[in-house]
C-alpha atoms as a PDB file:
ATOM      1  CA  MET A   1     -18.954   0.380  15.084  1.00  0.00           C
ATOM      2  CA  ILE A   2     -19.260  -3.057  13.442  1.00  0.00           C
ATOM      3  CA  VAL A   3     -17.566  -3.404  10.075  1.00  0.00           C
ATOM      4  CA  SER A   4     -17.631  -6.512   7.899  1.00  0.00           C
ATOM      5  CA  LYS A   5     -14.152  -7.418   6.727  1.00  0.00           C
ATOM      6  CA  PRO A   6     -13.816  -8.983   3.280  1.00  0.00           C
ATOM      7  CA  PRO A   7     -12.261 -12.442   3.307  1.00  0.00           C
ATOM      8  CA  GLU A   8      -8.569 -12.681   2.490  1.00  0.00           C
ATOM      9  CA  HIS A   9      -7.653 -15.031  -0.336  1.00  0.00           C
ATOM     10  CA  LEU A  10      -4.231 -16.682  -0.277  1.00  0.00           C
ATOM     11  CA  PHE A  11      -2.463 -17.529  -3.516  1.00  0.00           C
ATOM     12  CA  ALA A  12       0.830 -19.428  -3.558  1.00  0.00           C
ATOM     13  CA  ILE A  13       3.414 -18.079  -5.996  1.00  0.00           C
ATOM     14  CA  ALA A  14       6.136 -20.221  -7.505  1.00  0.00           C
ATOM     15  CA  VAL A  15       9.217 -18.176  -8.307  1.00  0.00           C
ATOM     16  CA  ASP A  16      10.378 -19.347 -11.712  1.00  0.00           C
ATOM     17  CA  PRO A  17      13.984 -19.003 -12.915  1.00  0.00           C
ATOM     18  CA  ALA A  18      12.601 -16.811 -15.738  1.00  0.00           C
ATOM     19  CA  ASP A  19      11.429 -14.326 -13.059  1.00  0.00           C
ATOM     20  CA  ILE A  20      15.025 -13.610 -12.026  1.00  0.00           C
ATOM     21  CA  ASP A  21      16.680 -10.590 -13.611  1.00  0.00           C
ATOM     22  CA  PHE A  22      20.297  -9.525 -14.131  1.00  0.00           C
ATOM     23  CA  MET A  23      20.487  -8.377 -10.499  1.00  0.00           C
ATOM     24  CA  GLY A  24      19.731 -11.862  -9.158  1.00  0.00           C
ATOM     25  CA  HIS A  25      16.227 -11.164  -7.851  1.00  0.00           C
ATOM     26  CA  VAL A  26      12.696 -11.159  -9.229  1.00  0.00           C
ATOM     27  CA  ASN A  27      12.124  -8.627 -11.984  1.00  0.00           C
ATOM     28  CA  ASN A  28       9.426  -6.013 -11.426  1.00  0.00           C
ATOM     29  CA  ALA A  29       7.367  -7.288 -14.371  1.00  0.00           C
ATOM     30  CA  SER A  30       6.904 -10.647 -12.626  1.00  0.00           C
ATOM     31  CA  TYR A  31       5.013  -8.978  -9.779  1.00  0.00           C
ATOM     32  CA  LEU A  32       2.396  -7.763 -12.268  1.00  0.00           C
ATOM     33  CA  LYS A  33       1.875 -11.288 -13.555  1.00  0.00           C
ATOM     34  CA  TRP A  34       1.633 -12.594  -9.979  1.00  0.00           C
ATOM     35  CA  VAL A  35      -0.999 -10.005  -9.063  1.00  0.00           C
ATOM     36  CA  GLN A  36      -3.024 -10.818 -12.171  1.00  0.00           C
ATOM     37  CA  ASP A  37      -2.843 -14.544 -11.441  1.00  0.00           C
ATOM     38  CA  ALA A  38      -3.777 -13.991  -7.780  1.00  0.00           C
ATOM     39  CA  VAL A  39      -6.771 -11.725  -8.524  1.00  0.00           C
ATOM     40  CA  VAL A  40      -8.101 -14.062 -11.226  1.00  0.00           C
ATOM     41  CA  ASP A  41      -7.686 -16.980  -8.809  1.00  0.00           C
ATOM     42  CA  HIS A  42      -9.643 -14.993  -6.201  1.00  0.00           C
ATOM     43  CA  TRP A  43     -12.464 -14.473  -8.726  1.00  0.00           C
ATOM     44  CA  ARG A  44     -12.540 -18.156  -9.660  1.00  0.00           C
ATOM     45  CA  ALA A  45     -12.486 -19.243  -6.002  1.00  0.00           C
ATOM     46  CA  PHE A  46     -15.552 -17.206  -4.987  1.00  0.00           C
ATOM     47  CA  ALA A  47     -17.624 -16.758  -8.150  1.00  0.00           C
ATOM     48  CA  PRO A  48     -20.152 -19.343  -9.312  1.00  0.00           C
ATOM     49  CA  VAL A  49     -19.121 -21.330 -12.400  1.00  0.00           C
ATOM     50  CA  GLU A  50     -21.690 -19.482 -14.553  1.00  0.00           C
ATOM     51  CA  ALA A  51     -20.229 -16.090 -13.575  1.00  0.00           C
ATOM     52  CA  VAL A  52     -16.678 -17.263 -14.330  1.00  0.00           C
ATOM     53  CA  LYS A  53     -17.878 -18.213 -17.826  1.00  0.00           C
ATOM     54  CA  GLN A  54     -19.813 -14.951 -18.308  1.00  0.00           C
ATOM     55  CA  TYR A  55     -17.273 -12.364 -17.093  1.00  0.00           C
ATOM     56  CA  LEU A  56     -13.605 -11.560 -17.570  1.00  0.00           C
ATOM     57  CA  TRP A  57     -11.459  -9.100 -15.635  1.00  0.00           C
ATOM     58  CA  VAL A  58      -9.116  -6.580 -17.234  1.00  0.00           C
ATOM     59  CA  ALA A  59      -6.615  -4.625 -15.148  1.00  0.00           C
ATOM     60  CA  THR A  60      -6.958  -0.857 -15.469  1.00  0.00           C
ATOM     61  CA  ASN A  61      -4.366   0.254 -12.925  1.00  0.00           C
ATOM     62  CA  HIS A  62      -1.605  -1.175 -10.731  1.00  0.00           C
ATOM     63  CA  ASN A  63       0.250   0.769  -8.063  1.00  0.00           C
ATOM     64  CA  ILE A  64       3.108  -1.311  -6.668  1.00  0.00           C
ATOM     65  CA  THR A  65       5.276  -0.450  -3.701  1.00  0.00           C
ATOM     66  CA  TYR A  66       8.301  -2.730  -3.571  1.00  0.00           C
ATOM     67  CA  ARG A  67       9.530  -3.389  -0.026  1.00  0.00           C
ATOM     68  CA  ARG A  68      12.138  -6.159  -0.311  1.00  0.00           C
ATOM     69  CA  PRO A  69      13.679  -8.203  -3.133  1.00  0.00           C
ATOM     70  CA  THR A  70      12.370 -11.677  -3.884  1.00  0.00           C
ATOM     71  CA  PHE A  71      14.695 -14.555  -4.754  1.00  0.00           C
ATOM     72  CA  ILE A  72      14.446 -17.900  -6.551  1.00  0.00           C
ATOM     73  CA  ASP A  73      14.067 -20.125  -3.478  1.00  0.00           C
ATOM     74  CA  ASP A  74      11.577 -17.907  -1.627  1.00  0.00           C
ATOM     75  CA  ALA A  75       8.206 -19.293  -0.543  1.00  0.00           C
ATOM     76  CA  VAL A  76       5.909 -16.480  -1.642  1.00  0.00           C
ATOM     77  CA  ILE A  77       2.212 -16.001  -0.885  1.00  0.00           C
ATOM     78  CA  ALA A  78      -0.095 -13.302  -2.273  1.00  0.00           C
ATOM     79  CA  HIS A  79      -2.702 -12.109   0.235  1.00  0.00           C
ATOM     80  CA  VAL A  80      -5.594 -10.825  -1.883  1.00  0.00           C
ATOM     81  CA  VAL A  81      -8.430  -8.647  -0.561  1.00  0.00           C
ATOM     82  CA  LEU A  82     -11.236  -7.203  -2.639  1.00  0.00           C
ATOM     83  CA  GLU A  83     -11.744  -3.781  -1.074  1.00  0.00           C
ATOM     84  CA  LYS A  84     -14.799  -2.594  -3.010  1.00  0.00           C
ATOM     85  CA  VAL A  85     -16.848  -2.955  -6.149  1.00  0.00           C
ATOM     86  CA  GLN A  86     -18.161   0.164  -7.826  1.00  0.00           C
ATOM     87  CA  GLY A  87     -20.188  -0.287 -10.992  1.00  0.00           C
ATOM     88  CA  ALA A  88     -18.147  -2.470 -13.341  1.00  0.00           C
ATOM     89  CA  ARG A  89     -14.912  -1.801 -11.407  1.00  0.00           C
ATOM     90  CA  ALA A  90     -13.299  -3.739  -8.592  1.00  0.00           C
ATOM     91  CA  PHE A  91     -10.542  -2.455  -6.325  1.00  0.00           C
ATOM     92  CA  TYR A  92      -8.041  -4.888  -4.837  1.00  0.00           C
ATOM     93  CA  GLU A  93      -5.192  -4.857  -2.380  1.00  0.00           C
ATOM     94  CA  THR A  94      -2.622  -7.612  -2.821  1.00  0.00           C
ATOM     95  CA  ILE A  95       0.189  -8.021  -0.331  1.00  0.00           C
ATOM     96  CA  ILE A  96       3.003 -10.275  -1.493  1.00  0.00           C
ATOM     97  CA  LYS A  97       4.837 -11.890   1.424  1.00  0.00           C
ATOM     98  CA  ARG A  98       7.673 -14.224   2.275  1.00  0.00           C
ATOM     99  CA  GLY A  99       6.516 -15.547   5.647  1.00  0.00           C
ATOM    100  CA  GLU A 100       5.550 -12.435   7.614  1.00  0.00           C
ATOM    101  CA  GLU A 101       7.904 -10.222   5.601  1.00  0.00           C
ATOM    102  CA  VAL A 102       6.155  -7.915   3.114  1.00  0.00           C
ATOM    103  CA  LEU A 103       7.861  -7.981  -0.270  1.00  0.00           C
ATOM    104  CA  ALA A 104       5.416  -5.774  -2.174  1.00  0.00           C
ATOM    105  CA  GLU A 105       2.109  -3.986  -1.662  1.00  0.00           C
ATOM    106  CA  VAL A 106      -0.161  -3.608  -4.661  1.00  0.00           C
ATOM    107  CA  LYS A 107      -3.303  -1.544  -5.116  1.00  0.00           C
ATOM    108  CA  SER A 108      -5.056  -2.378  -8.360  1.00  0.00           C
ATOM    109  CA  SER A 109      -8.297  -1.672 -10.141  1.00  0.00           C
ATOM    110  CA  TRP A 110     -10.036  -3.973 -12.572  1.00  0.00           C
ATOM    111  CA  CYS A 111     -12.912  -3.706 -15.035  1.00  0.00           C
ATOM    112  CA  CYS A 112     -15.462  -6.489 -15.386  1.00  0.00           C
ATOM    113  CA  ILE A 113     -16.080  -7.397 -19.030  1.00  0.00           C
ATOM    114  CA  ASP A 114     -19.060  -9.354 -20.357  1.00  0.00           C
ATOM    115  CA  VAL A 115     -17.738 -12.210 -22.535  1.00  0.00           C
ATOM    116  CA  ASP A 116     -20.546 -11.888 -25.107  1.00  0.00           C
ATOM    117  CA  THR A 117     -20.464  -8.119 -25.634  1.00  0.00           C
ATOM    118  CA  MET A 118     -16.836  -7.454 -24.609  1.00  0.00           C
ATOM    119  CA  ARG A 119     -18.166  -4.346 -22.841  1.00  0.00           C
ATOM    120  CA  PRO A 120     -17.955  -3.348 -19.178  1.00  0.00           C
ATOM    121  CA  ALA A 121     -20.563  -5.092 -17.040  1.00  0.00           C
ATOM    122  CA  ARG A 122     -21.909  -4.392 -13.570  1.00  0.00           C
ATOM    123  CA  LEU A 123     -22.146  -7.385 -11.270  1.00  0.00           C
ATOM    124  CA  ALA A 124     -25.423  -8.222  -9.534  1.00  0.00           C
ATOM    125  CA  ARG A 125     -25.457  -7.416  -5.813  1.00  0.00           C
ATOM    126  CA  GLU A 126     -25.927 -11.099  -4.949  1.00  0.00           C
ATOM    127  CA  LEU A 127     -22.703 -11.916  -6.801  1.00  0.00           C
ATOM    128  CA  VAL A 128     -20.764  -9.065  -5.186  1.00  0.00           C
ATOM    129  CA  GLU A 129     -21.886 -10.296  -1.755  1.00  0.00           C
ATOM    130  CA  LYS A 130     -20.062 -13.586  -2.380  1.00  0.00           C
ATOM    131  CA  PHE A 131     -16.867 -11.514  -2.263  1.00  0.00           C
ATOM    132  CA  LEU A 132     -17.821  -8.650   0.035  1.00  0.00           C
ATOM    133  CA  PRO A 133     -20.069  -9.428   2.981  1.00  0.00           C
ATOM    134  CA  PRO A 134     -22.812  -6.808   3.392  1.00  0.00           C
ATOM    135  CA  VAL A 135     -22.144  -4.206   6.065  1.00  0.00           C
ATOM    136  CA  PRO A 136     -24.679  -4.547   8.892  1.00  0.00           C
ATOM    137  CA  ALA A 137     -27.178  -1.657   9.016  1.00  0.00           C
ATOM    138  CA  GLU A 138     -26.014  -0.577  12.488  1.00  0.00           C
ATOM    139  CA  ALA A 139     -22.456  -0.170  11.126  1.00  0.00           C
ATOM    140  CA  THR A 140     -23.597   2.527   8.705  1.00  0.00           C
ATOM    141  CA  LEU A 141     -25.134   4.756  11.359  1.00  0.00           C
END
């Protein structure tokens, strides 16, 4: 079976001293900000300029599994993959790594909002295909 794999988007994360909590490692709340920044960067990297101006993304759910602590001097990269788009919703997986070491795994869902109406908006298929390559017909058999 042939399956199209969505492209992975890499987003460098700078650990700020404000991210460090009383235990000497990155506070859990910082991971949420990192995921938001990484997903928005993914959108801006693949979407046409007009779409970036027309649509916003609002997080509806984050499920984070913390694997290892992150520290101030760590070189951290978010590996972002858009798994699927369903109506006005997008489902992402973001893996936060230090080198090959997984620090956190995040599953999140997002709602696309039209800037003019501030209501949920479905994306045109042509726009979705900029993020998710179409699955070849023989792969669906």
